[in-house]
């Protein structure tokens, strides 16, 4: 016996589902770009500015003019002098 009322839920066709997915992708990509871009575009400090940013993690741009390997210091760090000796 068939029900006398109409079905409330309609299963979407494949083409409408693909269209919905495409629309979501078109909206999601610009939003992701707005969220991720500021993190990727952080300012790189110059060698002169690096001394004011001790303890931070950053990419410093400059020419290496001298080095010093501290073999007897804990962790055996290598010191780099950038731009000026």
N, C-alpha and C. Protein backbone atom coordinates (compact mmCIF):
# COMPACT_ATOMS: atom_id res chain seq x y z
N UNK A 1 0.84 -1.18 0.00
CA UNK A 1 0.00 0.00 0.00
C UNK A 1 0.88 1.24 0.00
N UNK A 2 0.63 2.19 -0.87
CA UNK A 2 1.39 3.42 -0.95
C UNK A 2 0.85 4.46 0.02
N UNK A 3 1.78 5.29 0.60
CA UNK A 3 1.30 6.35 1.49
C UNK A 3 0.55 7.41 0.68
N UNK A 4 -0.42 8.02 1.34
CA UNK A 4 -1.24 9.01 0.65
C UNK A 4 -0.60 10.40 0.66
N UNK A 5 0.39 10.63 1.47
CA UNK A 5 1.04 11.96 1.52
C UNK A 5 2.31 11.96 0.66
N UNK A 6 2.72 13.14 0.27
CA UNK A 6 3.91 13.25 -0.58
C UNK A 6 5.17 13.15 0.28
N UNK A 7 6.25 12.73 -0.33
CA UNK A 7 7.52 12.59 0.37
C UNK A 7 8.11 13.97 0.62
N UNK A 8 8.57 14.21 1.85
CA UNK A 8 9.12 15.52 2.21
C UNK A 8 10.59 15.64 1.84
N UNK A 9 11.28 14.53 1.78
CA UNK A 9 12.70 14.56 1.50
C UNK A 9 12.94 14.10 0.07
N UNK A 10 13.64 14.96 -0.68
CA UNK A 10 13.95 14.63 -2.07
C UNK A 10 15.45 14.39 -2.15
N UNK A 11 15.83 13.28 -2.69
CA UNK A 11 17.24 12.98 -2.84
C UNK A 11 17.80 13.79 -4.00
N UNK A 12 18.87 14.56 -3.76
CA UNK A 12 19.41 15.40 -4.84
C UNK A 12 20.03 14.55 -5.95
N UNK A 13 19.94 15.08 -7.15
CA UNK A 13 20.57 14.41 -8.28
C UNK A 13 22.07 14.63 -8.24
N UNK A 14 22.78 13.86 -9.02
CA UNK A 14 24.24 13.94 -9.04
C UNK A 14 24.71 15.31 -9.52
N UNK A 15 24.08 15.89 -10.51
CA UNK A 15 24.52 17.19 -11.04
C UNK A 15 24.31 18.30 -10.02
N UNK A 16 23.22 18.26 -9.26
CA UNK A 16 23.01 19.30 -8.25
C UNK A 16 24.00 19.14 -7.09
N UNK A 17 24.36 17.91 -6.78
CA UNK A 17 25.35 17.67 -5.73
C UNK A 17 26.73 18.19 -6.16
N UNK A 18 27.11 17.97 -7.40
CA UNK A 18 28.38 18.48 -7.91
C UNK A 18 28.38 20.00 -7.95
N UNK A 19 27.26 20.59 -8.31
CA UNK A 19 27.14 22.04 -8.33
C UNK A 19 27.28 22.60 -6.91
N UNK A 20 26.67 21.95 -5.94
CA UNK A 20 26.77 22.38 -4.54
C UNK A 20 28.22 22.28 -4.06
N UNK A 21 28.91 21.21 -4.40
CA UNK A 21 30.31 21.04 -4.00
C UNK A 21 31.19 22.12 -4.64
N UNK A 22 30.93 22.43 -5.89
CA UNK A 22 31.69 23.48 -6.58
C UNK A 22 31.46 24.83 -5.93
N UNK A 23 30.23 25.13 -5.58
CA UNK A 23 29.92 26.38 -4.90
C UNK A 23 30.64 26.47 -3.56
N UNK A 24 30.64 25.39 -2.80
CA UNK A 24 31.36 25.37 -1.51
C UNK A 24 32.86 25.60 -1.71
N UNK A 25 33.43 25.00 -2.73
CA UNK A 25 34.84 25.18 -3.02
C UNK A 25 35.16 26.62 -3.41
N UNK A 26 34.29 27.22 -4.21
CA UNK A 26 34.49 28.61 -4.64
C UNK A 26 34.45 29.55 -3.44
N UNK A 27 33.63 29.27 -2.47
CA UNK A 27 33.53 30.10 -1.26
C UNK A 27 34.68 29.80 -0.30
N UNK A 28 35.06 28.54 -0.17
CA UNK A 28 36.07 28.14 0.82
C UNK A 28 37.48 28.60 0.46
N UNK A 29 37.85 28.57 -0.80
CA UNK A 29 39.22 28.94 -1.18
C UNK A 29 39.58 30.38 -0.83
N UNK A 30 38.75 31.38 -1.18
CA UNK A 30 39.10 32.75 -0.76
C UNK A 30 39.13 32.92 0.75
N UNK A 31 38.23 32.24 1.46
CA UNK A 31 38.25 32.34 2.92
C UNK A 31 39.53 31.74 3.50
N UNK A 32 39.96 30.62 2.99
CA UNK A 32 41.20 30.00 3.45
C UNK A 32 42.39 30.91 3.16
N UNK A 33 42.38 31.54 2.01
CA UNK A 33 43.46 32.47 1.65
C UNK A 33 43.51 33.64 2.62
N UNK A 34 42.36 34.18 2.97
CA UNK A 34 42.32 35.30 3.92
C UNK A 34 42.84 34.91 5.30
N UNK A 35 42.63 33.67 5.67
CA UNK A 35 43.07 33.21 6.99
C UNK A 35 44.56 32.87 6.99
N UNK A 36 45.05 32.22 5.95
CA UNK A 36 46.44 31.72 5.91
C UNK A 36 47.43 32.79 5.47
N UNK A 37 47.07 33.68 4.58
CA UNK A 37 48.01 34.64 3.99
C UNK A 37 48.74 35.50 5.02
N UNK A 38 48.08 36.07 6.03
CA UNK A 38 48.84 36.88 7.00
C UNK A 38 49.95 36.12 7.70
N UNK A 39 49.74 34.87 7.98
CA UNK A 39 50.77 34.07 8.64
C UNK A 39 51.97 33.85 7.73
N UNK A 40 51.73 33.72 6.44
CA UNK A 40 52.81 33.49 5.49
C UNK A 40 53.57 34.77 5.13
N UNK A 41 52.93 35.91 5.32
CA UNK A 41 53.52 37.18 4.89
C UNK A 41 54.16 37.94 6.04
N UNK A 42 54.67 37.23 7.04
CA UNK A 42 55.32 37.91 8.15
C UNK A 42 56.58 38.62 7.67
N UNK A 43 56.83 39.80 8.23
CA UNK A 43 57.98 40.60 7.85
C UNK A 43 59.27 39.92 8.29
N UNK A 44 60.25 39.89 7.40
CA UNK A 44 61.56 39.33 7.74
C UNK A 44 62.43 40.47 8.24
N UNK A 45 62.93 40.38 9.47
CA UNK A 45 63.76 41.47 10.00
C UNK A 45 65.13 41.50 9.32
N UNK A 46 65.67 42.71 9.24
CA UNK A 46 67.03 42.87 8.70
C UNK A 46 68.02 42.44 9.78
N UNK A 47 69.28 42.37 9.40
CA UNK A 47 70.32 41.98 10.37
C UNK A 47 70.38 42.99 11.52
N UNK A 48 70.19 44.27 11.22
CA UNK A 48 70.24 45.30 12.26
C UNK A 48 69.06 45.17 13.24
N UNK A 49 67.91 44.73 12.75
CA UNK A 49 66.72 44.58 13.60
C UNK A 49 66.74 43.29 14.42
N UNK A 50 67.56 42.33 14.03
CA UNK A 50 67.57 41.02 14.68
C UNK A 50 67.95 41.11 16.16
N UNK A 51 68.82 42.02 16.50
CA UNK A 51 69.26 42.14 17.90
C UNK A 51 68.12 42.53 18.83
N UNK A 52 67.07 43.14 18.28
CA UNK A 52 65.91 43.53 19.08
C UNK A 52 64.87 42.41 19.18
N UNK A 53 65.14 41.27 18.56
CA UNK A 53 64.16 40.18 18.51
C UNK A 53 64.71 38.88 19.08
N UNK A 54 65.57 39.00 20.09
CA UNK A 54 66.15 37.82 20.74
C UNK A 54 65.03 37.00 21.37
N UNK A 55 65.07 35.69 21.16
CA UNK A 55 64.08 34.79 21.71
C UNK A 55 62.95 34.47 20.76
N UNK A 56 62.84 35.21 19.67
CA UNK A 56 61.80 34.96 18.67
C UNK A 56 62.33 34.05 17.58
N UNK A 57 61.43 33.42 16.86
CA UNK A 57 61.80 32.63 15.70
C UNK A 57 61.46 33.45 14.47
N UNK A 58 62.46 33.71 13.65
CA UNK A 58 62.24 34.52 12.45
C UNK A 58 63.32 34.20 11.42
N UNK A 59 63.06 34.55 10.19
CA UNK A 59 64.05 34.44 9.12
C UNK A 59 64.70 35.80 8.98
N UNK A 60 66.00 35.85 9.19
CA UNK A 60 66.75 37.11 9.11
C UNK A 60 67.52 37.13 7.80
N UNK A 61 67.42 38.22 7.09
CA UNK A 61 68.11 38.36 5.81
C UNK A 61 69.37 39.21 5.98
N UNK A 62 70.45 38.79 5.37
CA UNK A 62 71.70 39.53 5.42
C UNK A 62 72.84 38.68 4.92
N UNK A 63 73.98 39.31 4.73
CA UNK A 63 75.19 38.61 4.28
C UNK A 63 76.00 38.17 5.49
N UNK A 64 76.43 36.92 5.50
CA UNK A 64 77.28 36.42 6.59
C UNK A 64 78.69 36.93 6.35
N UNK A 65 79.20 37.73 7.31
CA UNK A 65 80.54 38.29 7.16
C UNK A 65 81.58 37.58 8.03
N UNK A 66 81.11 36.90 9.10
CA UNK A 66 82.04 36.11 9.90
C UNK A 66 81.25 35.10 10.73
N UNK A 67 81.96 34.06 11.19
CA UNK A 67 81.33 33.03 12.01
C UNK A 67 82.23 32.69 13.18
N UNK A 68 81.64 32.10 14.21
CA UNK A 68 82.42 31.61 15.35
C UNK A 68 81.73 30.38 15.89
N UNK A 69 82.44 29.26 15.92
CA UNK A 69 81.93 27.99 16.44
C UNK A 69 82.41 27.86 17.88
N UNK A 70 81.48 27.80 18.82
CA UNK A 70 81.82 27.72 20.24
C UNK A 70 81.75 26.27 20.70
N UNK A 71 82.81 25.53 20.42
CA UNK A 71 82.84 24.09 20.71
C UNK A 71 82.77 23.79 22.20
N UNK A 72 83.30 24.67 23.04
CA UNK A 72 83.33 24.40 24.48
C UNK A 72 82.08 24.93 25.20
N UNK A 73 81.17 25.55 24.50
CA UNK A 73 79.94 26.07 25.09
C UNK A 73 78.84 25.02 25.00
N UNK A 74 77.95 24.99 25.99
CA UNK A 74 76.85 24.02 26.00
C UNK A 74 76.03 24.13 24.71
N UNK A 75 75.83 23.02 24.06
CA UNK A 75 75.09 22.99 22.81
C UNK A 75 75.94 23.26 21.58
N UNK A 76 77.16 23.65 21.78
CA UNK A 76 78.11 23.95 20.70
C UNK A 76 77.50 24.82 19.59
N UNK A 77 77.07 26.04 19.94
CA UNK A 77 76.44 26.89 18.94
C UNK A 77 77.44 27.47 17.95
N UNK A 78 76.92 27.86 16.81
CA UNK A 78 77.70 28.60 15.81
C UNK A 78 77.09 29.99 15.74
N UNK A 79 77.90 31.01 15.94
CA UNK A 79 77.44 32.39 15.88
C UNK A 79 77.74 32.95 14.50
N UNK A 80 76.77 33.63 13.93
CA UNK A 80 76.91 34.25 12.62
C UNK A 80 76.83 35.77 12.77
N UNK A 81 77.80 36.48 12.21
CA UNK A 81 77.74 37.94 12.16
C UNK A 81 77.26 38.30 10.76
N UNK A 82 76.15 39.04 10.73
CA UNK A 82 75.56 39.43 9.47
C UNK A 82 75.84 40.90 9.16
N UNK A 83 76.15 41.19 7.94
CA UNK A 83 76.34 42.53 7.39
C UNK A 83 77.56 43.27 7.94
N UNK A 84 77.77 43.27 9.25
CA UNK A 84 78.94 43.94 9.85
C UNK A 84 79.68 42.96 10.74
N UNK A 85 81.01 42.96 10.68
CA UNK A 85 81.77 42.06 11.56
C UNK A 85 81.71 42.48 13.02
